[in-house]
Amino acid sequence: EKRGKQESHQYEDRFLTTDSFLWQSQNRTTQASVHGQDIRQHVDRGIIVHLFVRAKSKTAHGRAAPFVYCGDVDFVSWQGDQPITVTWRLREAMPARVWNTLGGAAGRAQ
């Protein structure tokens, strides 16, 4: 849920399928930067990337909503700069129960 956030923080993060996630980096990140290269070359550099998401930032009581751990992901592709839009592949597809919880939130994950 990105409504109500500053426009510069309304990243286009969403599930594409049960094993594919679209994520946007911070606005200052470029493909050529150290952080950008860490994203693309994470396996070669020994960096394990874990995907945690949540449908909303706050609970009904105004507290921070918990994240759901979806597993390790690997770089698939990217496009753009500042921010970079990255497609990640989950090493294991999400179980149906998790997809049913988060799949309805596809396009609104944080």
Protein backbone atom coordinates (compact mmCIF):
# COMPACT_ATOMS: atom_id res chain seq x y z
CA GLU A 1 0.00 0.00 0.00
CA LYS A 2 1.81 3.10 -1.20
CA ARG A 3 -1.01 5.64 -1.05
CA GLY A 4 -0.29 8.52 1.27
CA LYS A 5 3.47 8.22 0.91
CA GLN A 6 5.60 10.91 -0.68
CA GLU A 7 5.67 10.43 -4.43
CA SER A 8 9.42 9.80 -4.27
CA HIS A 9 8.70 6.80 -1.97
CA GLN A 10 5.93 5.21 -4.03
CA TYR A 11 8.10 2.44 -5.44
CA GLU A 12 6.59 -0.03 -7.91
CA ASP A 13 7.18 -3.19 -5.87
CA ARG A 14 4.92 -6.14 -6.72
CA PHE A 15 4.71 -9.86 -7.38
CA LEU A 16 4.62 -10.83 -11.02
CA THR A 17 4.08 -14.55 -10.32
CA THR A 18 4.48 -16.89 -7.34
CA ASP A 19 8.22 -16.97 -8.03
CA SER A 20 8.91 -13.54 -9.53
CA PHE A 21 9.03 -10.13 -7.85
CA LEU A 22 9.46 -6.65 -9.35
CA TRP A 23 11.32 -4.25 -7.05
CA GLN A 24 12.58 -0.68 -7.32
CA SER A 25 15.76 0.53 -5.68
CA GLN A 26 16.11 3.83 -3.88
CA ASN A 27 15.89 6.83 -6.20
CA ARG A 28 19.60 7.60 -5.96
CA THR A 29 20.79 4.11 -7.04
CA THR A 30 22.27 3.70 -10.52
CA GLN A 31 23.25 0.53 -12.37
CA ALA A 32 26.90 1.66 -12.43
CA SER A 33 27.07 2.38 -8.67
CA VAL A 34 28.62 -0.03 -6.18
CA HIS A 35 25.17 -0.80 -4.79
CA GLY A 36 23.79 -1.33 -8.30
CA GLN A 37 26.59 -3.75 -9.11
CA ASP A 38 26.01 -5.54 -5.79
CA ILE A 39 22.42 -6.12 -6.94
CA ARG A 40 23.37 -7.48 -10.36
CA GLN A 41 26.39 -9.50 -9.22
CA HIS A 42 25.13 -10.58 -5.81
CA VAL A 43 25.80 -14.30 -6.41
CA ASP A 44 29.38 -13.73 -7.62
CA ARG A 45 30.01 -11.41 -4.67
CA GLY A 46 28.63 -13.86 -2.10
CA ILE A 47 25.65 -11.67 -1.22
CA ILE A 48 22.46 -13.54 -0.33
CA VAL A 49 19.33 -11.50 -1.03
CA HIS A 50 16.24 -12.26 1.06
CA LEU A 51 12.76 -11.02 0.18
CA PHE A 52 10.51 -9.70 2.96
CA VAL A 53 7.20 -8.05 2.06
CA ARG A 54 4.11 -6.67 3.70
CA ALA A 55 0.85 -5.55 2.14
CA LYS A 56 0.49 -2.47 4.32
CA SER A 57 2.90 -0.48 6.45
CA LYS A 58 0.54 -0.19 9.45
CA THR A 59 -1.92 -2.47 11.21
CA ALA A 60 -5.50 -1.41 11.93
CA HIS A 61 -4.22 -0.24 15.33
CA GLY A 62 -1.60 2.05 13.78
CA ARG A 63 1.40 -0.11 14.62
CA ALA A 64 4.02 -1.26 12.14
CA ALA A 65 2.73 -4.26 10.21
CA PRO A 66 4.89 -7.39 10.29
CA PHE A 67 6.85 -8.51 7.26
CA VAL A 68 6.42 -11.94 5.65
CA TYR A 69 9.58 -13.77 4.67
CA CYS A 70 9.27 -15.07 1.10
CA GLY A 71 12.74 -16.62 0.69
CA ASP A 72 15.99 -16.04 -1.14
CA VAL A 73 15.90 -14.38 -4.56
CA ASP A 74 18.24 -14.16 -7.54
CA PHE A 75 18.72 -11.34 -10.01
CA VAL A 76 16.96 -11.84 -13.36
CA SER A 77 17.05 -8.46 -15.11
CA TRP A 78 16.91 -4.72 -14.59
CA GLN A 79 16.06 -1.52 -16.34
CA GLY A 80 16.37 2.18 -15.70
CA ASP A 81 18.40 4.25 -13.30
CA GLN A 82 17.50 6.29 -10.24
CA PRO A 83 15.62 4.08 -9.42
CA ILE A 84 16.58 0.75 -10.95
CA THR A 85 13.65 -1.58 -11.58
CA VAL A 86 14.81 -5.13 -10.84
CA THR A 87 13.11 -8.45 -11.54
CA TRP A 88 14.01 -11.07 -8.92
CA ARG A 89 13.30 -14.81 -9.09
CA LEU A 90 12.46 -16.59 -5.85
CA ARG A 91 14.49 -19.78 -5.49
CA GLU A 92 11.31 -21.52 -4.39
CA ALA A 93 7.81 -20.49 -5.44
CA MET A 94 5.65 -19.18 -2.64
CA PRO A 95 3.33 -21.77 -1.09
CA ALA A 96 -0.35 -21.34 -1.97
CA ARG A 97 -1.22 -20.13 1.54
CA VAL A 98 1.38 -17.34 1.33
CA TRP A 99 0.38 -16.44 -2.24
CA ASN A 100 -3.26 -16.24 -1.16
CA THR A 101 -2.27 -13.84 1.60
CA LEU A 102 0.12 -11.71 -0.46
CA GLY A 103 -1.04 -12.45 -4.00
CA GLY A 104 -4.14 -10.36 -3.44
CA ALA A 105 -1.74 -7.62 -2.43
CA ALA A 106 0.24 -8.01 -5.65
CA GLY A 107 1.30 -4.60 -6.79
CA ARG A 108 0.99 -3.25 -3.27
CA ALA A 109 3.77 -5.11 -1.45
CA GLN A 110 6.34 -3.04 0.41
